[in-house]
Amino acid sequence: MVEKMKKYGLPIFIFLLFFTVIFIFYLDWQISHRQLTFAMLDVGQGDALFIESSSGTQVLIDVGPPRKIIGELSRLMSPLDRYIDAVIITNPDQDHIGGFTDVLEIYKIGKIFESGTINNSKIYQNLLTEAGNKNIPRFLAKKGMKLHLGDGAVIDILFPDRDVSDWTPNDGSIIARLTYGDTSIMLTGDSTIKTEKIILANNPSENLASDILKVGHHGSRTSTSNSFLKAVSPKYALISNGKNNKYGHPHQEIVDTLEQFGAKILRTDLLGTIVFFCDRINPCEIKK
């Protein structure tokens, strides 16, 4: 027995050591290649973004108009998954909150974050009632808040930086920036040029530069100023809008400006739901 141990012990030790090293490298590769999912859902003339971090935390940023979100959401979430960690409502207009009761019929929601602007519409009052009935905690989003999604993914709230309760929903819209590894995504809701000026005045350029820009207010000329675009300098510009919508979104001058800045424009009215897969060490990839 001792002779066999002497004969085979060293080769066995070397094999185990080699296997351990390979396993460690494999684990490191797996960790570095875990992906974050970012999707702009095709909800017609409205906004709804879905984020799932590589650790499994799921966030909705707006929920679109009524009866639009569930079909798109079901394509991204497991049929057994019935929990969404948080919903961020960038503003209380119907095209951003109309799908809230639809979501609540199927999913449990952990938290709600709001801008603080007010809408007296019945649909917004229903949202408040349903959130209260379900005991969902509600928070005001404020500049400086960091929502940690796990595995290094963070949503930084850039605006509001003040009380916006008497502002219009668009002027008071939440602006946030999602970062994961080397990837950054600017999330603008329906924010206007007025809000963009505040962001530009109060943030260094490194806090604004982003690979992906969710274009403000469906590509309306009320948003996406040249100075804001220059600071963000996106590779991709995502526009959520309905086919042949009555507002003419996106406005042609905004499309022209985005092209002049070299951003690749992706629109839900032309492409449907747009999905990116992002990891920490490579550029995001678009799902084909």
C-alpha atoms as a PDB file:
ATOM      1  CA  MET A   1       0.000   0.000   0.000  1.00  0.00           C
ATOM      2  CA  VAL A   2       2.803   2.415   0.926  1.00  0.00           C
ATOM      3  CA  GLU A   3       4.604   1.611  -2.316  1.00  0.00           C
ATOM      4  CA  LYS A   4       1.432   2.326  -4.317  1.00  0.00           C
ATOM      5  CA  MET A   5       1.020   5.644  -2.521  1.00  0.00           C
ATOM      6  CA  LYS A   6       4.584   6.608  -3.379  1.00  0.00           C
ATOM      7  CA  LYS A   7       4.081   5.513  -6.967  1.00  0.00           C
ATOM      8  CA  TYR A   8       0.726   7.145  -7.622  1.00  0.00           C
ATOM      9  CA  GLY A   9       0.567   9.883  -4.990  1.00  0.00           C
ATOM     10  CA  LEU A  10       2.435  12.561  -6.918  1.00  0.00           C
ATOM     11  CA  PRO A  11       0.554  12.038 -10.233  1.00  0.00           C
ATOM     12  CA  ILE A  12      -2.756  12.099  -8.357  1.00  0.00           C
ATOM     13  CA  PHE A  13      -1.731  15.292  -6.527  1.00  0.00           C
ATOM     14  CA  ILE A  14      -0.687  16.944  -9.791  1.00  0.00           C
ATOM     15  CA  PHE A  15      -3.952  15.911 -11.441  1.00  0.00           C
ATOM     16  CA  LEU A  16      -6.024  17.293  -8.539  1.00  0.00           C
ATOM     17  CA  LEU A  17      -4.023  20.515  -8.540  1.00  0.00           C
ATOM     18  CA  PHE A  18      -4.494  20.871 -12.296  1.00  0.00           C
ATOM     19  CA  PHE A  19      -8.226  20.178 -11.952  1.00  0.00           C
ATOM     20  CA  THR A  20      -8.528  22.744  -9.149  1.00  0.00           C
ATOM     21  CA  VAL A  21      -6.759  25.429 -11.187  1.00  0.00           C
ATOM     22  CA  ILE A  22      -8.996  24.739 -14.200  1.00  0.00           C
ATOM     23  CA  PHE A  23     -12.096  24.848 -11.977  1.00  0.00           C
ATOM     24  CA  ILE A  24     -11.042  28.194 -10.462  1.00  0.00           C
ATOM     25  CA  PHE A  25     -10.458  29.662 -13.917  1.00  0.00           C
ATOM     26  CA  TYR A  26     -13.854  28.318 -15.023  1.00  0.00           C
ATOM     27  CA  LEU A  27     -15.599  29.930 -12.051  1.00  0.00           C
ATOM     28  CA  ASP A  28     -13.807  33.206 -12.722  1.00  0.00           C
ATOM     29  CA  TRP A  29     -14.863  33.024 -16.383  1.00  0.00           C
ATOM     30  CA  GLN A  30     -18.463  32.292 -15.381  1.00  0.00           C
ATOM     31  CA  ILE A  31     -18.539  35.253 -12.998  1.00  0.00           C
ATOM     32  CA  SER A  32     -17.003  37.635 -15.536  1.00  0.00           C
ATOM     33  CA  HIS A  33     -19.469  36.499 -18.224  1.00  0.00           C
ATOM     34  CA  ARG A  34     -22.686  36.749 -16.235  1.00  0.00           C
ATOM     35  CA  GLN A  35     -25.008  39.040 -18.109  1.00  0.00           C
ATOM     36  CA  LEU A  36     -27.379  41.867 -17.353  1.00  0.00           C
ATOM     37  CA  THR A  37     -30.511  42.106 -19.495  1.00  0.00           C
ATOM     38  CA  PHE A  38     -31.774  45.529 -20.531  1.00  0.00           C
ATOM     39  CA  ALA A  39     -34.893  45.765 -22.680  1.00  0.00           C
ATOM     40  CA  MET A  40     -37.067  48.502 -24.094  1.00  0.00           C
ATOM     41  CA  LEU A  41     -40.475  46.848 -24.360  1.00  0.00           C
ATOM     42  CA  ASP A  42     -42.742  47.456 -27.322  1.00  0.00           C
ATOM     43  CA  VAL A  43     -45.783  48.941 -25.585  1.00  0.00           C
ATOM     44  CA  GLY A  44     -46.878  51.242 -28.394  1.00  0.00           C
ATOM     45  CA  GLN A  45     -46.945  54.950 -27.604  1.00  0.00           C
ATOM     46  CA  GLY A  46     -45.523  54.746 -24.102  1.00  0.00           C
ATOM     47  CA  ASP A  47     -42.526  53.742 -22.030  1.00  0.00           C
ATOM     48  CA  ALA A  48     -41.609  50.481 -20.328  1.00  0.00           C
ATOM     49  CA  LEU A  49     -38.075  49.284 -19.628  1.00  0.00           C
ATOM     50  CA  PHE A  50     -37.089  45.931 -18.122  1.00  0.00           C
ATOM     51  CA  ILE A  51     -33.825  45.310 -16.298  1.00  0.00           C
ATOM     52  CA  GLU A  52     -32.623  42.012 -14.871  1.00  0.00           C
ATOM     53  CA  SER A  53     -29.206  42.019 -13.254  1.00  0.00           C
ATOM     54  CA  SER A  54     -26.911  39.023 -13.524  1.00  0.00           C
ATOM     55  CA  SER A  55     -27.791  38.204  -9.903  1.00  0.00           C
ATOM     56  CA  GLY A  56     -31.507  38.027 -10.758  1.00  0.00           C
ATOM     57  CA  THR A  57     -32.828  41.363  -9.446  1.00  0.00           C
ATOM     58  CA  GLN A  58     -35.594  42.644 -11.720  1.00  0.00           C
ATOM     59  CA  VAL A  59     -36.726  46.248 -12.159  1.00  0.00           C
ATOM     60  CA  LEU A  60     -39.338  47.874 -14.363  1.00  0.00           C
ATOM     61  CA  ILE A  61     -38.907  51.515 -15.307  1.00  0.00           C
ATOM     62  CA  ASP A  62     -42.434  52.577 -16.272  1.00  0.00           C
ATOM     63  CA  VAL A  63     -45.128  50.136 -17.354  1.00  0.00           C
ATOM     64  CA  GLY A  64     -46.579  51.643 -20.512  1.00  0.00           C
ATOM     65  CA  PRO A  65     -50.239  52.268 -21.339  1.00  0.00           C
ATOM     66  CA  PRO A  66     -52.994  49.795 -20.373  1.00  0.00           C
ATOM     67  CA  ARG A  67     -53.057  46.246 -21.793  1.00  0.00           C
ATOM     68  CA  LYS A  68     -49.658  46.431 -23.519  1.00  0.00           C
ATOM     69  CA  ILE A  69     -46.917  45.230 -21.186  1.00  0.00           C
ATOM     70  CA  ILE A  70     -47.779  41.691 -20.096  1.00  0.00           C
ATOM     71  CA  GLY A  71     -47.231  39.949 -23.431  1.00  0.00           C
ATOM     72  CA  GLU A  72     -43.833  41.595 -23.884  1.00  0.00           C
ATOM     73  CA  LEU A  73     -42.809  40.985 -20.283  1.00  0.00           C
ATOM     74  CA  SER A  74     -43.706  37.299 -20.456  1.00  0.00           C
ATOM     75  CA  ARG A  75     -41.160  36.840 -23.241  1.00  0.00           C
ATOM     76  CA  LEU A  76     -38.360  37.924 -20.929  1.00  0.00           C
ATOM     77  CA  MET A  77     -39.409  36.479 -17.571  1.00  0.00           C
ATOM     78  CA  SER A  78     -39.780  32.836 -16.610  1.00  0.00           C
ATOM     79  CA  PRO A  79     -43.424  31.688 -16.470  1.00  0.00           C
ATOM     80  CA  LEU A  80     -42.739  30.583 -12.887  1.00  0.00           C
ATOM     81  CA  ASP A  81     -41.367  33.982 -11.886  1.00  0.00           C
ATOM     82  CA  ARG A  82     -44.023  36.137 -10.270  1.00  0.00           C
ATOM     83  CA  TYR A  83     -41.938  38.748  -8.455  1.00  0.00           C
ATOM     84  CA  ILE A  84     -40.530  42.096  -9.594  1.00  0.00           C
ATOM     85  CA  ASP A  85     -38.206  43.753  -7.107  1.00  0.00           C
ATOM     86  CA  ALA A  86     -39.042  47.354  -7.953  1.00  0.00           C
ATOM     87  CA  VAL A  87     -41.017  49.589 -10.287  1.00  0.00           C
ATOM     88  CA  ILE A  88     -39.674  53.070 -11.026  1.00  0.00           C
ATOM     89  CA  ILE A  89     -42.361  55.463 -12.269  1.00  0.00           C
ATOM     90  CA  THR A  90     -40.577  58.297 -14.047  1.00  0.00           C
ATOM     91  CA  ASN A  91     -43.785  60.326 -14.289  1.00  0.00           C
ATOM     92  CA  PRO A  92     -47.492  59.700 -13.558  1.00  0.00           C
ATOM     93  CA  ASP A  93     -48.876  60.105 -17.103  1.00  0.00           C
ATOM     94  CA  GLN A  94     -50.989  57.285 -18.519  1.00  0.00           C
ATOM     95  CA  ASP A  95     -48.441  56.180 -21.122  1.00  0.00           C
ATOM     96  CA  HIS A  96     -46.036  55.439 -18.246  1.00  0.00           C
ATOM     97  CA  ILE A  97     -48.384  54.021 -15.584  1.00  0.00           C
ATOM     98  CA  GLY A  98     -51.400  52.603 -17.425  1.00  0.00           C
ATOM     99  CA  GLY A  99     -50.092  49.040 -17.283  1.00  0.00           C
ATOM    100  CA  PHE A 100     -49.600  49.072 -13.506  1.00  0.00           C
ATOM    101  CA  THR A 101     -52.803  47.205 -12.634  1.00  0.00           C
ATOM    102  CA  ASP A 102     -52.065  44.696 -15.423  1.00  0.00           C
ATOM    103  CA  VAL A 103     -48.692  43.977 -13.825  1.00  0.00           C
ATOM    104  CA  LEU A 104     -50.224  43.699 -10.356  1.00  0.00           C
ATOM    105  CA  GLU A 105     -52.679  41.058 -11.534  1.00  0.00           C
ATOM    106  CA  ILE A 106     -49.784  38.689 -12.221  1.00  0.00           C
ATOM    107  CA  TYR A 107     -46.736  39.896 -10.322  1.00  0.00           C
ATOM    108  CA  LYS A 108     -45.919  40.894  -6.774  1.00  0.00           C
ATOM    109  CA  ILE A 109     -43.994  44.163  -6.596  1.00  0.00           C
ATOM    110  CA  GLY A 110     -41.394  44.806  -3.906  1.00  0.00           C
ATOM    111  CA  LYS A 111     -41.096  48.626  -4.032  1.00  0.00           C
ATOM    112  CA  ILE A 112     -42.256  51.645  -5.993  1.00  0.00           C
ATOM    113  CA  PHE A 113     -40.115  54.716  -6.689  1.00  0.00           C
ATOM    114  CA  GLU A 114     -41.760  57.939  -7.919  1.00  0.00           C
ATOM    115  CA  SER A 115     -40.651  61.402  -8.987  1.00  0.00           C
ATOM    116  CA  GLY A 116     -43.088  63.284  -6.767  1.00  0.00           C
ATOM    117  CA  THR A 117     -45.012  64.980  -9.574  1.00  0.00           C
ATOM    118  CA  ILE A 118     -48.781  64.688  -9.302  1.00  0.00           C
ATOM    119  CA  ASN A 119     -51.493  63.650 -11.721  1.00  0.00           C
ATOM    120  CA  ASN A 120     -55.178  63.860 -10.775  1.00  0.00           C
ATOM    121  CA  SER A 121     -56.249  61.304 -13.369  1.00  0.00           C
ATOM    122  CA  LYS A 122     -58.344  58.319 -12.365  1.00  0.00           C
ATOM    123  CA  ILE A 123     -55.652  55.933 -13.570  1.00  0.00           C
ATOM    124  CA  TYR A 124     -53.065  57.506 -11.242  1.00  0.00           C
ATOM    125  CA  GLN A 125     -55.489  57.445  -8.318  1.00  0.00           C
ATOM    126  CA  ASN A 126     -56.105  53.748  -9.033  1.00  0.00           C
ATOM    127  CA  LEU A 127     -52.357  53.154  -8.901  1.00  0.00           C
ATOM    128  CA  LEU A 128     -52.154  54.755  -5.468  1.00  0.00           C
ATOM    129  CA  THR A 129     -55.137  52.724  -4.273  1.00  0.00           C
ATOM    130  CA  GLU A 130     -53.764  49.429  -5.577  1.00  0.00           C
ATOM    131  CA  ALA A 131     -50.316  50.094  -4.099  1.00  0.00           C
ATOM    132  CA  GLY A 132     -51.940  50.809  -0.762  1.00  0.00           C
ATOM    133  CA  ASN A 133     -54.131  47.703  -0.912  1.00  0.00           C
ATOM    134  CA  LYS A 134     -51.080  45.556  -1.672  1.00  0.00           C
ATOM    135  CA  ASN A 135     -48.978  47.284   1.021  1.00  0.00           C
ATOM    136  CA  ILE A 136     -46.262  48.109  -1.503  1.00  0.00           C
ATOM    137  CA  PRO A 137     -43.744  50.568  -0.016  1.00  0.00           C
ATOM    138  CA  ARG A 138     -43.489  53.825  -1.982  1.00  0.00           C
ATOM    139  CA  PHE A 139     -40.417  56.056  -2.082  1.00  0.00           C
ATOM    140  CA  LEU A 140     -39.565  59.392  -3.636  1.00  0.00           C
ATOM    141  CA  ALA A 141     -36.588  59.123  -5.958  1.00  0.00           C
ATOM    142  CA  LYS A 142     -33.967  61.743  -5.127  1.00  0.00           C
ATOM    143  CA  LYS A 143     -30.576  62.652  -6.527  1.00  0.00           C
ATOM    144  CA  GLY A 144     -27.863  60.655  -4.777  1.00  0.00           C
ATOM    145  CA  MET A 145     -29.949  57.513  -4.296  1.00  0.00           C
ATOM    146  CA  LYS A 146     -28.260  54.331  -5.472  1.00  0.00           C
ATOM    147  CA  LEU A 147     -30.316  51.247  -6.225  1.00  0.00           C
ATOM    148  CA  HIS A 148     -27.997  48.250  -6.037  1.00  0.00           C
ATOM    149  CA  LEU A 149     -29.188  45.403  -8.253  1.00  0.00           C
ATOM    150  CA  GLY A 150     -26.440  42.946  -7.362  1.00  0.00           C
ATOM    151  CA  ASP A 151     -23.160  41.855  -8.994  1.00  0.00           C
ATOM    152  CA  GLY A 152     -22.084  45.488  -9.312  1.00  0.00           C
ATOM    153  CA  ALA A 153     -25.099  46.769 -11.269  1.00  0.00           C
ATOM    154  CA  VAL A 154     -26.293  50.129  -9.919  1.00  0.00           C
ATOM    155  CA  ILE A 155     -29.010  52.622 -10.833  1.00  0.00           C
ATOM    156  CA  ASP A 156     -27.958  56.150  -9.827  1.00  0.00           C
ATOM    157  CA  ILE A 157     -30.762  58.695  -9.497  1.00  0.00           C
ATOM    158  CA  LEU A 158     -29.642  61.995 -11.055  1.00  0.00           C
ATOM    159  CA  PHE A 159     -32.954  63.870 -10.857  1.00  0.00           C
ATOM    160  CA  PRO A 160     -35.152  65.055  -9.108  1.00  0.00           C
ATOM    161  CA  ASP A 161     -32.762  67.003  -6.926  1.00  0.00           C
ATOM    162  CA  ARG A 162     -35.579  69.073  -5.380  1.00  0.00           C
ATOM    163  CA  ASP A 163     -39.302  69.071  -4.641  1.00  0.00           C
ATOM    164  CA  VAL A 164     -41.070  68.751  -8.004  1.00  0.00           C
ATOM    165  CA  SER A 165     -44.617  68.284  -6.715  1.00  0.00           C
ATOM    166  CA  ASP A 166     -45.795  71.449  -8.491  1.00  0.00           C
ATOM    167  CA  TRP A 167     -43.832  70.772 -11.701  1.00  0.00           C
ATOM    168  CA  THR A 168     -45.302  69.299 -14.864  1.00  0.00           C
ATOM    169  CA  PRO A 169     -44.856  65.501 -15.054  1.00  0.00           C
ATOM    170  CA  ASN A 170     -42.365  65.834 -17.913  1.00  0.00           C
ATOM    171  CA  ASP A 171     -40.232  68.569 -16.335  1.00  0.00           C
ATOM    172  CA  GLY A 172     -40.141  66.598 -13.088  1.00  0.00           C
ATOM    173  CA  SER A 173     -39.434  63.237 -14.717  1.00  0.00           C
ATOM    174  CA  ILE A 174     -36.892  60.935 -13.091  1.00  0.00           C
ATOM    175  CA  ILE A 175     -33.507  60.773 -14.792  1.00  0.00           C
ATOM    176  CA  ALA A 176     -31.235  57.907 -13.814  1.00  0.00           C
ATOM    177  CA  ARG A 177     -28.093  56.153 -15.041  1.00  0.00           C
ATOM    178  CA  LEU A 178     -27.612  52.403 -14.973  1.00  0.00           C
ATOM    179  CA  THR A 179     -24.032  51.137 -14.800  1.00  0.00           C
ATOM    180  CA  TYR A 180     -22.688  47.600 -14.993  1.00  0.00           C
ATOM    181  CA  GLY A 181     -18.969  47.100 -15.448  1.00  0.00           C
ATOM    182  CA  ASP A 182     -17.892  49.314 -18.343  1.00  0.00           C
ATOM    183  CA  THR A 183     -21.458  49.736 -19.626  1.00  0.00           C
ATOM    184  CA  SER A 184     -23.626  52.747 -18.819  1.00  0.00           C
ATOM    185  CA  ILE A 185     -27.222  53.500 -19.845  1.00  0.00           C
ATOM    186  CA  MET A 186     -28.877  56.919 -19.512  1.00  0.00           C
ATOM    187  CA  LEU A 187     -32.553  56.667 -18.557  1.00  0.00           C
ATOM    188  CA  THR A 188     -34.473  59.872 -19.195  1.00  0.00           C
ATOM    189  CA  GLY A 189     -38.210  59.160 -18.955  1.00  0.00           C
ATOM    190  CA  ASP A 190     -40.035  62.137 -20.484  1.00  0.00           C
ATOM    191  CA  SER A 191     -37.536  64.686 -19.191  1.00  0.00           C
ATOM    192  CA  THR A 192     -37.396  67.984 -21.037  1.00  0.00           C
ATOM    193  CA  ILE A 193     -34.652  70.365 -22.098  1.00  0.00           C
ATOM    194  CA  LYS A 194     -35.348  72.282 -18.867  1.00  0.00           C
ATOM    195  CA  THR A 195     -34.441  69.183 -16.856  1.00  0.00           C
ATOM    196  CA  GLU A 196     -31.461  68.409 -19.058  1.00  0.00           C
ATOM    197  CA  LYS A 197     -30.016  71.858 -18.298  1.00  0.00           C
ATOM    198  CA  ILE A 198     -30.218  71.118 -14.568  1.00  0.00           C
ATOM    199  CA  ILE A 199     -28.490  67.773 -15.088  1.00  0.00           C
ATOM    200  CA  LEU A 200     -25.726  69.389 -17.147  1.00  0.00           C
ATOM    201  CA  ALA A 201     -25.165  72.118 -14.568  1.00  0.00           C
ATOM    202  CA  ASN A 202     -24.936  69.778 -11.595  1.00  0.00           C
ATOM    203  CA  ASN A 203     -23.022  66.745 -12.873  1.00  0.00           C
ATOM    204  CA  PRO A 204     -19.490  66.277 -14.196  1.00  0.00           C
ATOM    205  CA  SER A 205     -19.275  64.878 -17.709  1.00  0.00           C
ATOM    206  CA  GLU A 206     -18.072  61.477 -16.485  1.00  0.00           C
ATOM    207  CA  ASN A 207     -21.387  61.048 -14.658  1.00  0.00           C
ATOM    208  CA  LEU A 208     -23.327  61.529 -17.872  1.00  0.00           C
ATOM    209  CA  ALA A 209     -21.372  59.800 -20.653  1.00  0.00           C
ATOM    210  CA  SER A 210     -23.267  56.622 -21.572  1.00  0.00           C
ATOM    211  CA  ASP A 211     -23.130  53.848 -24.141  1.00  0.00           C
ATOM    212  CA  ILE A 212     -26.912  53.776 -24.505  1.00  0.00           C
ATOM    213  CA  LEU A 213     -29.402  56.637 -24.299  1.00  0.00           C
ATOM    214  CA  LYS A 214     -33.091  56.064 -23.735  1.00  0.00           C
ATOM    215  CA  VAL A 215     -34.204  59.115 -25.716  1.00  0.00           C
ATOM    216  CA  GLY A 216     -36.425  61.485 -23.744  1.00  0.00           C
ATOM    217  CA  HIS A 217     -40.166  61.784 -24.391  1.00  0.00           C
ATOM    218  CA  HIS A 218     -40.371  59.322 -27.288  1.00  0.00           C
ATOM    219  CA  GLY A 219     -38.131  61.468 -29.485  1.00  0.00           C
ATOM    220  CA  SER A 220     -40.047  64.711 -28.996  1.00  0.00           C
ATOM    221  CA  ARG A 221     -38.388  68.017 -29.862  1.00  0.00           C
ATOM    222  CA  THR A 222     -39.027  69.079 -26.248  1.00  0.00           C
ATOM    223  CA  SER A 223     -36.119  66.846 -25.204  1.00  0.00           C
ATOM    224  CA  THR A 224     -32.638  65.770 -26.323  1.00  0.00           C
ATOM    225  CA  SER A 225     -30.811  69.060 -26.669  1.00  0.00           C
ATOM    226  CA  ASN A 226     -27.487  69.237 -28.499  1.00  0.00           C
ATOM    227  CA  SER A 227     -25.619  70.000 -25.264  1.00  0.00           C
ATOM    228  CA  PHE A 228     -27.166  67.011 -23.503  1.00  0.00           C
ATOM    229  CA  LEU A 229     -26.393  64.714 -26.424  1.00  0.00           C
ATOM    230  CA  LYS A 230     -22.823  65.951 -26.518  1.00  0.00           C
ATOM    231  CA  ALA A 231     -22.385  65.139 -22.817  1.00  0.00           C
ATOM    232  CA  VAL A 232     -23.992  61.696 -23.042  1.00  0.00           C
ATOM    233  CA  SER A 233     -22.363  60.836 -26.391  1.00  0.00           C
ATOM    234  CA  PRO A 234     -24.251  57.526 -26.841  1.00  0.00           C
ATOM    235  CA  LYS A 235     -23.443  54.740 -29.279  1.00  0.00           C
ATOM    236  CA  TYR A 236     -27.095  53.692 -29.306  1.00  0.00           C
ATOM    237  CA  ALA A 237     -30.213  55.875 -29.045  1.00  0.00           C
ATOM    238  CA  LEU A 238     -33.402  54.005 -28.100  1.00  0.00           C
ATOM    239  CA  ILE A 239     -36.811  55.485 -28.909  1.00  0.00           C
ATOM    240  CA  SER A 240     -40.054  54.045 -27.546  1.00  0.00           C
ATOM    241  CA  ASN A 241     -42.979  55.076 -29.741  1.00  0.00           C
ATOM    242  CA  GLY A 242     -46.106  53.689 -31.377  1.00  0.00           C
ATOM    243  CA  LYS A 243     -46.569  53.190 -35.096  1.00  0.00           C
ATOM    244  CA  ASN A 244     -48.153  56.183 -36.811  1.00  0.00           C
ATOM    245  CA  ASN A 245     -48.724  57.910 -33.461  1.00  0.00           C
ATOM    246  CA  LYS A 246     -50.687  61.149 -33.494  1.00  0.00           C
ATOM    247  CA  TYR A 247     -47.797  63.144 -32.008  1.00  0.00           C
ATOM    248  CA  GLY A 248     -45.428  62.513 -34.901  1.00  0.00           C
ATOM    249  CA  HIS A 249     -42.833  60.961 -32.570  1.00  0.00           C
ATOM    250  CA  PRO A 250     -39.981  60.803 -33.116  1.00  0.00           C
ATOM    251  CA  HIS A 251     -39.704  64.312 -34.530  1.00  0.00           C
ATOM    252  CA  GLN A 252     -37.481  64.429 -37.581  1.00  0.00           C
ATOM    253  CA  GLU A 253     -35.152  67.086 -36.165  1.00  0.00           C
ATOM    254  CA  ILE A 254     -34.343  64.801 -33.233  1.00  0.00           C
ATOM    255  CA  VAL A 255     -33.664  61.883 -35.575  1.00  0.00           C
ATOM    256  CA  ASP A 256     -31.380  64.139 -37.633  1.00  0.00           C
ATOM    257  CA  THR A 257     -29.552  65.347 -34.519  1.00  0.00           C
ATOM    258  CA  LEU A 258     -29.003  61.805 -33.232  1.00  0.00           C
ATOM    259  CA  GLU A 259     -27.597  60.787 -36.607  1.00  0.00           C
ATOM    260  CA  GLN A 260     -25.308  63.830 -36.671  1.00  0.00           C
ATOM    261  CA  PHE A 261     -23.882  62.707 -33.317  1.00  0.00           C
ATOM    262  CA  GLY A 262     -23.256  59.234 -34.731  1.00  0.00           C
ATOM    263  CA  ALA A 263     -25.761  57.366 -32.546  1.00  0.00           C
ATOM    264  CA  LYS A 264     -27.372  54.232 -33.952  1.00  0.00           C
ATOM    265  CA  ILE A 265     -31.133  54.730 -33.601  1.00  0.00           C
ATOM    266  CA  LEU A 266     -33.305  51.801 -32.494  1.00  0.00           C
ATOM    267  CA  ARG A 267     -37.093  52.329 -32.451  1.00  0.00           C
ATOM    268  CA  THR A 268     -39.827  50.101 -31.063  1.00  0.00           C
ATOM    269  CA  ASP A 269     -42.260  51.088 -33.827  1.00  0.00           C
ATOM    270  CA  LEU A 270     -39.829  49.640 -36.360  1.00  0.00           C
ATOM    271  CA  LEU A 271     -38.130  46.841 -34.418  1.00  0.00           C
ATOM    272  CA  GLY A 272     -40.531  45.835 -31.651  1.00  0.00           C
ATOM    273  CA  THR A 273     -39.015  45.055 -28.247  1.00  0.00           C
ATOM    274  CA  ILE A 274     -35.282  45.812 -28.175  1.00  0.00           C
ATOM    275  CA  VAL A 275     -33.098  43.643 -25.920  1.00  0.00           C
ATOM    276  CA  PHE A 276     -29.467  44.102 -24.910  1.00  0.00           C
ATOM    277  CA  PHE A 277     -27.344  41.547 -23.070  1.00  0.00           C
ATOM    278  CA  CYS A 278     -24.474  43.161 -21.176  1.00  0.00           C
ATOM    279  CA  ASP A 279     -21.566  41.668 -19.267  1.00  0.00           C
ATOM    280  CA  ARG A 280     -18.847  43.368 -17.294  1.00  0.00           C
ATOM    281  CA  ILE A 281     -15.965  43.065 -19.720  1.00  0.00           C
ATOM    282  CA  ASN A 282     -17.417  43.419 -23.224  1.00  0.00           C
ATOM    283  CA  PRO A 283     -19.778  45.789 -25.064  1.00  0.00           C
ATOM    284  CA  CYS A 284     -23.486  44.984 -24.833  1.00  0.00           C
ATOM    285  CA  GLU A 285     -24.889  42.730 -27.540  1.00  0.00           C
ATOM    286  CA  ILE A 286     -28.283  43.234 -29.173  1.00  0.00           C
ATOM    287  CA  LYS A 287     -30.529  40.201 -29.273  1.00  0.00           C
ATOM    288  CA  LYS A 288     -31.275  39.404 -32.880  1.00  0.00           C
END
